[in-house]
Amino acid sequence: MSQPHYLKASPFTVRMNGLIGRLARHGVSLLGSAELSVRGRTSGRTQRIPVNPHTYRGSQYLVSARGHSQWVRNMRAAGAGELRVGRKVRAFTATEIPDSEKLPILRSYLERWGWEVNQYFQGVTAKSSDAEIIAAGADHPVFLIRTDS
């Protein structure tokens, strides 16, 4: 069985994620970013990472640009988390979207965030064909999130 697709963050990206996460924790959202908190599937400790919540047709999604990352594996186990920007904390439940339903969400996500994440989509962009985006979809988990508030 092959390993799930995951592109590890560069040291620069790790430093930037730390900065963006701290900013979100202190109330500064860069272009809509927020800090995701999700319970670790084995440690039970809260893992925090900056994310770009994406709104498509009135629903909000989390897309993993780098693939089947630790936060994705934790979200699958926990089924819930929190998004924070400053003092505003939104608890949510998460449902993973099947590959067959990802096409419009991924295209919209790439239109909005492609400037930041195209490097992780290995040549697939918002202007790629439906077939190319569908093929890339298996490598990029997508979660529908529903906030409690």
Protein backbone atom coordinates (compact mmCIF):
# COMPACT_ATOMS: atom_id res chain seq x y z
CA MET A 1 0.00 0.00 0.00
CA SER A 2 1.41 3.40 -0.93
CA GLN A 3 1.77 6.22 1.57
CA PRO A 4 -0.74 9.09 1.37
CA HIS A 5 0.51 12.19 -0.41
CA TYR A 6 2.08 14.77 1.89
CA LEU A 7 4.49 17.60 1.10
CA LYS A 8 6.50 18.51 4.17
CA ALA A 9 6.82 22.21 4.96
CA SER A 10 10.15 23.90 4.38
CA PRO A 11 11.90 25.50 7.38
CA PHE A 12 10.84 28.90 6.02
CA THR A 13 7.19 27.78 5.82
CA VAL A 14 7.37 26.41 9.37
CA ARG A 15 8.62 29.81 10.59
CA MET A 16 5.97 31.68 8.60
CA ASN A 17 3.22 29.36 9.88
CA GLY A 18 4.38 30.06 13.42
CA LEU A 19 4.21 33.81 12.80
CA ILE A 20 0.80 33.66 11.08
CA GLY A 21 -0.55 31.45 13.87
CA ARG A 22 0.66 33.88 16.55
CA LEU A 23 -0.87 36.79 14.67
CA ALA A 24 -4.23 35.00 14.42
CA ARG A 25 -4.06 34.07 18.11
CA HIS A 26 -3.61 37.78 18.86
CA GLY A 27 -6.44 38.95 16.61
CA VAL A 28 -4.65 39.67 13.32
CA SER A 29 -6.04 37.69 10.39
CA LEU A 30 -4.02 37.86 7.19
CA LEU A 31 -6.48 37.69 4.27
CA GLY A 32 -8.90 35.56 6.26
CA SER A 33 -6.43 33.22 7.96
CA ALA A 34 -7.27 31.68 11.33
CA GLU A 35 -5.58 29.38 13.79
CA LEU A 36 -6.91 25.83 13.73
CA SER A 37 -6.86 23.86 16.97
CA VAL A 38 -7.51 20.12 16.78
CA ARG A 39 -6.96 17.36 19.33
CA GLY A 40 -4.04 15.06 18.58
CA ARG A 41 -5.17 11.55 17.74
CA THR A 42 -2.49 9.82 19.83
CA SER A 43 -1.18 12.44 22.25
CA GLY A 44 -4.52 14.01 23.10
CA ARG A 45 -2.77 17.40 23.11
CA THR A 46 -4.09 20.31 21.10
CA GLN A 47 -2.28 20.89 17.82
CA ARG A 48 -2.40 24.42 16.37
CA ILE A 49 -1.75 25.45 12.80
CA PRO A 50 -2.74 28.45 10.67
CA VAL A 51 -5.29 27.69 7.97
CA ASN A 52 -7.22 29.53 5.28
CA PRO A 53 -10.90 28.73 5.85
CA HIS A 54 -12.56 28.81 2.44
CA THR A 55 -16.17 29.77 1.79
CA TYR A 56 -17.89 28.23 -1.22
CA ARG A 57 -21.62 28.66 -1.89
CA GLY A 58 -22.34 29.69 1.68
CA SER A 59 -20.51 26.79 3.34
CA GLN A 60 -17.07 26.86 4.89
CA TYR A 61 -14.29 24.37 4.16
CA LEU A 62 -10.78 23.54 5.24
CA VAL A 63 -8.54 22.34 2.42
CA SER A 64 -5.19 20.70 3.04
CA ALA A 65 -2.95 22.11 0.34
CA ARG A 66 0.01 19.96 1.41
CA GLY A 67 -1.90 16.69 1.47
CA HIS A 68 -2.55 14.17 4.21
CA SER A 69 -0.84 16.18 6.94
CA GLN A 70 -0.90 15.63 10.69
CA TRP A 71 -3.77 18.09 11.16
CA VAL A 72 -5.78 16.14 8.56
CA ARG A 73 -5.15 12.83 10.35
CA ASN A 74 -6.07 14.44 13.66
CA MET A 75 -9.24 15.98 12.18
CA ARG A 76 -10.31 12.59 10.85
CA ALA A 77 -9.96 11.15 14.35
CA ALA A 78 -11.45 14.10 16.26
CA GLY A 79 -14.19 15.13 13.85
CA ALA A 80 -14.13 18.62 15.35
CA GLY A 81 -11.91 21.55 16.21
CA GLU A 82 -11.78 25.28 16.77
CA LEU A 83 -10.90 28.27 14.62
CA ARG A 84 -9.45 31.28 16.43
CA VAL A 85 -8.80 34.88 15.50
CA GLY A 86 -7.98 36.77 18.68
CA ARG A 87 -10.66 36.31 21.30
CA LYS A 88 -13.15 35.00 18.76
CA VAL A 89 -13.13 31.21 18.94
CA ARG A 90 -15.52 29.20 16.79
CA ALA A 91 -15.99 25.54 17.67
CA PHE A 92 -16.95 23.37 14.70
CA THR A 93 -17.63 19.84 13.58
CA ALA A 94 -15.95 18.55 10.44
CA THR A 95 -17.06 16.16 7.73
CA GLU A 96 -14.56 15.02 5.11
CA ILE A 97 -15.76 15.55 1.54
CA PRO A 98 -15.47 12.54 -0.81
CA ASP A 99 -13.18 12.95 -3.83
CA SER A 100 -16.19 12.82 -6.16
CA GLU A 101 -17.52 16.10 -4.68
CA LYS A 102 -14.31 18.13 -4.44
CA LEU A 103 -14.04 19.60 -7.97
CA PRO A 104 -15.98 22.87 -7.53
CA ILE A 105 -14.58 23.43 -4.03
CA LEU A 106 -10.97 22.90 -5.13
CA ARG A 107 -11.36 25.09 -8.22
CA SER A 108 -12.81 27.89 -6.08
CA TYR A 109 -10.09 27.39 -3.45
CA LEU A 110 -7.38 27.62 -6.12
CA GLU A 111 -8.97 30.78 -7.52
CA ARG A 112 -8.83 32.37 -4.07
CA TRP A 113 -5.62 30.91 -2.60
CA GLY A 114 -3.67 29.68 -5.63
CA TRP A 115 -1.09 32.46 -5.29
CA GLU A 116 -0.17 30.90 -1.94
CA VAL A 117 -0.70 27.16 -2.50
CA ASN A 118 -0.09 26.39 -6.19
CA GLN A 119 3.35 25.00 -5.36
CA TYR A 120 1.66 22.17 -3.43
CA PHE A 121 -0.72 21.26 -6.26
CA GLN A 122 2.08 20.15 -8.63
CA GLY A 123 1.08 22.23 -11.63
CA VAL A 124 -2.68 22.10 -11.12
CA THR A 125 -4.24 25.57 -10.98
CA ALA A 126 -7.73 27.07 -11.02
CA LYS A 127 -7.47 27.14 -14.83
CA SER A 128 -6.66 23.42 -15.09
CA SER A 129 -9.17 21.06 -16.67
CA ASP A 130 -11.82 19.34 -14.58
CA ALA A 131 -9.98 16.04 -15.09
CA GLU A 132 -6.70 17.50 -13.78
CA ILE A 133 -8.35 18.96 -10.67
CA ILE A 134 -10.25 15.73 -10.03
CA ALA A 135 -7.01 13.75 -10.33
CA ALA A 136 -5.30 16.07 -7.82
CA GLY A 137 -8.27 15.88 -5.44
CA ALA A 138 -7.23 12.60 -3.84
CA ASP A 139 -4.04 14.28 -2.62
CA HIS A 140 -5.85 17.23 -1.01
CA PRO A 141 -8.34 16.41 1.77
CA VAL A 142 -11.27 18.79 2.12
CA PHE A 143 -13.47 19.14 5.21
CA LEU A 144 -16.87 20.82 5.42
CA ILE A 145 -16.98 22.64 8.73
CA ARG A 146 -20.12 23.58 10.62
CA THR A 147 -19.71 26.05 13.44
CA ASP A 148 -21.64 25.69 16.65
CA SER A 149 -22.25 29.43 16.78
